């Protein structure tokens, strides 16, 4: 059975970015996430994580 041409799009119809465009987007994403990673963790979040750790320790010692 032969495939219909409309079932399979030719390779040229697929959207794509040039390597330069991909590199630029990657650079900008790294810059954005580097800033996020460098931000300090809020004290309240550290407190909550500490409490979760205490709860885990208590449940393991039972």
PDB file of N, CA and C in Angstrom:
ATOM      1  N   UNK A   1       0.839  -1.175   0.000  1.00  0.00           N
ATOM      2  CA  UNK A   1       0.000   0.000   0.000  1.00  0.00           C
ATOM      3  C   UNK A   1       0.885   1.239   0.000  1.00  0.00           C
ATOM      4  N   UNK A   2       0.636   2.176  -0.874  1.00  0.00           N
ATOM      5  CA  UNK A   2       1.444   3.389  -0.988  1.00  0.00           C
ATOM      6  C   UNK A   2       0.953   4.446  -0.007  1.00  0.00           C
ATOM      7  N   UNK A   3       1.900   5.213   0.513  1.00  0.00           N
ATOM      8  CA  UNK A   3       1.546   6.301   1.427  1.00  0.00           C
ATOM      9  C   UNK A   3       1.099   7.515   0.630  1.00  0.00           C
ATOM     10  N   UNK A   4       0.118   8.215   1.166  1.00  0.00           N
ATOM     11  CA  UNK A   4      -0.283   9.475   0.564  1.00  0.00           C
ATOM     12  C   UNK A   4       0.756  10.530   0.883  1.00  0.00           C
ATOM     13  N   UNK A   5       0.986  11.430  -0.050  1.00  0.00           N
ATOM     14  CA  UNK A   5       1.967  12.481   0.180  1.00  0.00           C
ATOM     15  C   UNK A   5       1.552  13.392   1.319  1.00  0.00           C
ATOM     16  N   UNK A   6       0.263  13.578   1.530  1.00  0.00           N
ATOM     17  CA  UNK A   6      -0.186  14.471   2.592  1.00  0.00           C
ATOM     18  C   UNK A   6       0.038  13.877   3.983  1.00  0.00           C
ATOM     19  N   UNK A   7       0.251  12.549   4.081  1.00  0.00           N
ATOM     20  CA  UNK A   7       0.502  11.910   5.370  1.00  0.00           C
ATOM     21  C   UNK A   7       1.874  12.249   5.932  1.00  0.00           C
ATOM     22  N   UNK A   8       2.811  12.504   5.075  1.00  0.00           N
ATOM     23  CA  UNK A   8       4.186  12.734   5.515  1.00  0.00           C
ATOM     24  C   UNK A   8       4.711  14.024   4.898  1.00  0.00           C
ATOM     25  N   UNK A   9       4.983  15.019   5.744  1.00  0.00           N
ATOM     26  CA  UNK A   9       5.477  16.305   5.249  1.00  0.00           C
ATOM     27  C   UNK A   9       6.942  16.171   4.865  1.00  0.00           C
ATOM     28  N   UNK A  10       7.347  16.832   3.825  1.00  0.00           N
ATOM     29  CA  UNK A  10       8.762  16.798   3.447  1.00  0.00           C
ATOM     30  C   UNK A  10       9.634  17.449   4.519  1.00  0.00           C
ATOM     31  N   UNK A  11      10.875  17.053   4.583  1.00  0.00           N
ATOM     32  CA  UNK A  11      11.818  17.559   5.581  1.00  0.00           C
ATOM     33  C   UNK A  11      11.914  19.085   5.576  1.00  0.00           C
ATOM     34  N   UNK A  12      11.769  19.698   4.433  1.00  0.00           N
ATOM     35  CA  UNK A  12      11.942  21.146   4.334  1.00  0.00           C
ATOM     36  C   UNK A  12      10.812  21.919   5.003  1.00  0.00           C
ATOM     37  N   UNK A  13       9.687  21.278   5.280  1.00  0.00           N
ATOM     38  CA  UNK A  13       8.560  21.958   5.911  1.00  0.00           C
ATOM     39  C   UNK A  13       8.694  22.055   7.427  1.00  0.00           C
ATOM     40  N   UNK A  14       9.641  21.349   8.016  1.00  0.00           N
ATOM     41  CA  UNK A  14       9.806  21.380   9.468  1.00  0.00           C
ATOM     42  C   UNK A  14      10.444  22.702   9.884  1.00  0.00           C
ATOM     43  N   UNK A  15       9.871  23.352  10.903  1.00  0.00           N
ATOM     44  CA  UNK A  15      10.493  24.598  11.371  1.00  0.00           C
ATOM     45  C   UNK A  15      11.847  24.302  12.012  1.00  0.00           C
ATOM     46  N   UNK A  16      12.800  25.171  11.776  1.00  0.00           N
ATOM     47  CA  UNK A  16      14.113  24.970  12.374  1.00  0.00           C
ATOM     48  C   UNK A  16      14.787  26.311  12.579  1.00  0.00           C
ATOM     49  N   UNK A  17      15.763  26.310  13.444  1.00  0.00           N
ATOM     50  CA  UNK A  17      16.564  27.509  13.718  1.00  0.00           C
ATOM     51  C   UNK A  17      17.986  27.265  13.260  1.00  0.00           C
ATOM     52  N   UNK A  18      18.633  28.319  12.847  1.00  0.00           N
ATOM     53  CA  UNK A  18      20.036  28.183  12.472  1.00  0.00           C
ATOM     54  C   UNK A  18      20.861  27.903  13.721  1.00  0.00           C
ATOM     55  N   UNK A  19      22.067  27.411  13.523  1.00  0.00           N
ATOM     56  CA  UNK A  19      22.949  27.142  14.662  1.00  0.00           C
ATOM     57  C   UNK A  19      23.253  28.422  15.429  1.00  0.00           C
ATOM     58  N   UNK A  20      23.385  29.532  14.725  1.00  0.00           N
ATOM     59  CA  UNK A  20      23.629  30.813  15.398  1.00  0.00           C
ATOM     60  C   UNK A  20      22.454  31.196  16.296  1.00  0.00           C
ATOM     61  N   UNK A  21      21.240  31.002  15.795  1.00  0.00           N
ATOM     62  CA  UNK A  21      20.049  31.316  16.581  1.00  0.00           C
ATOM     63  C   UNK A  21      19.961  30.416  17.812  1.00  0.00           C
ATOM     64  N   UNK A  22      20.227  29.134  17.633  1.00  0.00           N
ATOM     65  CA  UNK A  22      20.205  28.197  18.752  1.00  0.00           C
ATOM     66  C   UNK A  22      21.254  28.573  19.796  1.00  0.00           C
ATOM     67  N   UNK A  23      22.439  28.948  19.356  1.00  0.00           N
ATOM     68  CA  UNK A  23      23.508  29.338  20.270  1.00  0.00           C
ATOM     69  C   UNK A  23      23.130  30.600  21.036  1.00  0.00           C
ATOM     70  N   UNK A  24      22.509  31.558  20.348  1.00  0.00           N
ATOM     71  CA  UNK A  24      22.093  32.803  20.990  1.00  0.00           C
ATOM     72  C   UNK A  24      21.033  32.542  22.059  1.00  0.00           C
ATOM     73  N   UNK A  25      20.050  31.716  21.731  1.00  0.00           N
ATOM     74  CA  UNK A  25      18.999  31.384  22.698  1.00  0.00           C
ATOM     75  C   UNK A  25      19.604  30.652  23.896  1.00  0.00           C
ATOM     76  N   UNK A  26      20.501  29.726  23.639  1.00  0.00           N
ATOM     77  CA  UNK A  26      21.165  29.010  24.733  1.00  0.00           C
ATOM     78  C   UNK A  26      21.940  29.946  25.643  1.00  0.00           C
ATOM     79  N   UNK A  27      22.642  30.899  25.055  1.00  0.00           N
ATOM     80  CA  UNK A  27      23.404  31.878  25.833  1.00  0.00           C
ATOM     81  C   UNK A  27      22.481  32.699  26.718  1.00  0.00           C
ATOM     82  N   UNK A  28      21.390  33.180  26.161  1.00  0.00           N
ATOM     83  CA  UNK A  28      20.444  34.002  26.923  1.00  0.00           C
ATOM     84  C   UNK A  28      19.786  33.202  28.040  1.00  0.00           C
ATOM     85  N   UNK A  29      19.452  31.944  27.778  1.00  0.00           N
ATOM     86  CA  UNK A  29      18.867  31.099  28.821  1.00  0.00           C
ATOM     87  C   UNK A  29      19.858  30.856  29.954  1.00  0.00           C
ATOM     88  N   UNK A  30      21.129  30.617  29.602  1.00  0.00           N
ATOM     89  CA  UNK A  30      22.148  30.428  30.643  1.00  0.00           C
ATOM     90  C   UNK A  30      22.311  31.687  31.479  1.00  0.00           C
ATOM     91  N   UNK A  31      22.311  32.844  30.828  1.00  0.00           N
ATOM     92  CA  UNK A  31      22.429  34.101  31.564  1.00  0.00           C
ATOM     93  C   UNK A  31      21.262  34.264  32.536  1.00  0.00           C
ATOM     94  N   UNK A  32      20.067  33.958  32.091  1.00  0.00           N
ATOM     95  CA  UNK A  32      18.880  34.083  32.930  1.00  0.00           C
ATOM     96  C   UNK A  32      18.953  33.135  34.125  1.00  0.00           C
ATOM     97  N   UNK A  33      19.244  31.871  33.871  1.00  0.00           N
ATOM     98  CA  UNK A  33      19.239  30.892  34.939  1.00  0.00           C
ATOM     99  C   UNK A  33      20.453  31.017  35.851  1.00  0.00           C
ATOM    100  N   UNK A  34      21.567  31.525  35.362  1.00  0.00           N
ATOM    101  CA  UNK A  34      22.709  31.785  36.239  1.00  0.00           C
ATOM    102  C   UNK A  34      22.331  32.803  37.307  1.00  0.00           C
ATOM    103  N   UNK A  35      21.565  33.825  36.915  1.00  0.00           N
ATOM    104  CA  UNK A  35      21.100  34.820  37.883  1.00  0.00           C
ATOM    105  C   UNK A  35      20.181  34.186  38.921  1.00  0.00           C
ATOM    106  N   UNK A  36      19.308  33.305  38.489  1.00  0.00           N
ATOM    107  CA  UNK A  36      18.371  32.643  39.403  1.00  0.00           C
ATOM    108  C   UNK A  36      19.123  31.744  40.374  1.00  0.00           C
ATOM    109  N   UNK A  37      20.079  30.995  39.874  1.00  0.00           N
ATOM    110  CA  UNK A  37      20.853  30.080  40.719  1.00  0.00           C
ATOM    111  C   UNK A  37      21.678  30.852  41.743  1.00  0.00           C
ATOM    112  N   UNK A  38      22.129  32.044  41.382  1.00  0.00           N
ATOM    113  CA  UNK A  38      22.969  32.839  42.280  1.00  0.00           C
ATOM    114  C   UNK A  38      22.162  33.524  43.390  1.00  0.00           C
ATOM    115  N   UNK A  39      20.830  33.565  43.254  1.00  0.00           N
ATOM    116  CA  UNK A  39      20.013  34.202  44.283  1.00  0.00           C
ATOM    117  C   UNK A  39      20.066  33.394  45.570  1.00  0.00           C
ATOM    118  N   UNK A  40      20.078  34.069  46.717  1.00  0.00           N
ATOM    119  CA  UNK A  40      20.090  33.343  47.988  1.00  0.00           C
ATOM    120  C   UNK A  40      18.741  32.663  48.241  1.00  0.00           C
ATOM    121  N   UNK A  41      18.798  31.566  48.978  1.00  0.00           N
ATOM    122  CA  UNK A  41      17.573  30.856  49.348  1.00  0.00           C
ATOM    123  C   UNK A  41      16.938  31.614  50.516  1.00  0.00           C
ATOM    124  N   UNK A  42      15.646  31.936  50.426  1.00  0.00           N
ATOM    125  CA  UNK A  42      14.995  32.666  51.512  1.00  0.00           C
ATOM    126  C   UNK A  42      15.045  31.892  52.833  1.00  0.00           C
ATOM    127  N   UNK A  43      15.200  32.637  53.925  1.00  0.00           N
ATOM    128  CA  UNK A  43      15.288  32.013  55.249  1.00  0.00           C
ATOM    129  C   UNK A  43      14.082  31.134  55.552  1.00  0.00           C
ATOM    130  N   UNK A  44      12.907  31.593  55.170  1.00  0.00           N
ATOM    131  CA  UNK A  44      11.682  30.821  55.447  1.00  0.00           C
ATOM    132  C   UNK A  44      11.731  29.462  54.750  1.00  0.00           C
ATOM    133  N   UNK A  45      12.232  29.417  53.554  1.00  0.00           N
ATOM    134  CA  UNK A  45      12.341  28.146  52.838  1.00  0.00           C
ATOM    135  C   UNK A  45      13.358  27.234  53.520  1.00  0.00           C
ATOM    136  N   UNK A  46      14.465  27.806  53.976  1.00  0.00           N
ATOM    137  CA  UNK A  46      15.457  27.007  54.698  1.00  0.00           C
ATOM    138  C   UNK A  46      14.879  26.428  55.981  1.00  0.00           C
ATOM    139  N   UNK A  47      14.050  27.221  56.677  1.00  0.00           N
ATOM    140  CA  UNK A  47      13.391  26.724  57.893  1.00  0.00           C
ATOM    141  C   UNK A  47      12.477  25.544  57.572  1.00  0.00           C
ATOM    142  N   UNK A  48      11.678  25.682  56.527  1.00  0.00           N
ATOM    143  CA  UNK A  48      10.770  24.602  56.138  1.00  0.00           C
ATOM    144  C   UNK A  48      11.530  23.341  55.746  1.00  0.00           C
ATOM    145  N   UNK A  49      12.614  23.509  55.004  1.00  0.00           N
ATOM    146  CA  UNK A  49      13.427  22.347  54.619  1.00  0.00           C
ATOM    147  C   UNK A  49      14.039  21.676  55.845  1.00  0.00           C
ATOM    148  N   UNK A  50      14.463  22.488  56.808  1.00  0.00           N
ATOM    149  CA  UNK A  50      15.002  21.939  58.053  1.00  0.00           C
ATOM    150  C   UNK A  50      13.964  21.130  58.808  1.00  0.00           C
ATOM    151  N   UNK A  51      12.732  21.629  58.863  1.00  0.00           N
ATOM    152  CA  UNK A  51      11.652  20.898  59.540  1.00  0.00           C
ATOM    153  C   UNK A  51      11.346  19.597  58.825  1.00  0.00           C
ATOM    154  N   UNK A  52      11.369  19.627  57.513  1.00  0.00           N
ATOM    155  CA  UNK A  52      11.153  18.385  56.767  1.00  0.00           C
ATOM    156  C   UNK A  52      12.245  17.367  57.076  1.00  0.00           C
ATOM    157  N   UNK A  53      13.470  17.837  57.174  1.00  0.00           N
ATOM    158  CA  UNK A  53      14.585  16.951  57.508  1.00  0.00           C
ATOM    159  C   UNK A  53      14.430  16.365  58.898  1.00  0.00           C
ATOM    160  N   UNK A  54      13.965  17.179  59.862  1.00  0.00           N
ATOM    161  CA  UNK A  54      13.740  16.690  61.228  1.00  0.00           C
ATOM    162  C   UNK A  54      12.667  15.615  61.230  1.00  0.00           C
ATOM    163  N   UNK A  55      11.577  15.832  60.478  1.00  0.00           N
ATOM    164  CA  UNK A  55      10.491  14.860  60.405  1.00  0.00           C
ATOM    165  C   UNK A  55      10.985  13.534  59.823  1.00  0.00           C
ATOM    166  N   UNK A  56      11.848  13.610  58.811  1.00  0.00           N
ATOM    167  CA  UNK A  56      12.415  12.387  58.210  1.00  0.00           C
ATOM    168  C   UNK A  56      13.265  11.642  59.231  1.00  0.00           C
ATOM    169  N   UNK A  57      14.090  12.393  60.000  1.00  0.00           N
ATOM    170  CA  UNK A  57      14.950  11.762  61.004  1.00  0.00           C
ATOM    171  C   UNK A  57      14.114  11.078  62.081  1.00  0.00           C
ATOM    172  N   UNK A  58      13.033  11.724  62.510  1.00  0.00           N
ATOM    173  CA  UNK A  58      12.163  11.144  63.533  1.00  0.00           C
ATOM    174  C   UNK A  58      11.483   9.879  63.041  1.00  0.00           C
ATOM    175  N   UNK A  59      11.022   9.868  61.784  1.00  0.00           N
ATOM    176  CA  UNK A  59      10.334   8.698  61.266  1.00  0.00           C
ATOM    177  C   UNK A  59      11.297   7.532  61.028  1.00  0.00           C
ATOM    178  N   UNK A  60      12.551   7.809  60.760  1.00  0.00           N
ATOM    179  CA  UNK A  60      13.540   6.743  60.540  1.00  0.00           C
ATOM    180  C   UNK A  60      13.958   6.104  61.864  1.00  0.00           C
ATOM    181  N   UNK A  61      13.935   6.875  62.956  1.00  0.00           N
ATOM    182  CA  UNK A  61      14.398   6.346  64.240  1.00  0.00           C
ATOM    183  C   UNK A  61      13.327   5.528  64.954  1.00  0.00           C
ATOM    184  N   UNK A  62      12.102   5.501  64.425  1.00  0.00           N
ATOM    185  CA  UNK A  62      11.020   4.728  65.065  1.00  0.00           C
ATOM    186  C   UNK A  62      11.143   3.273  64.779  1.00  0.00           C
TER     187      UNK A  62
END
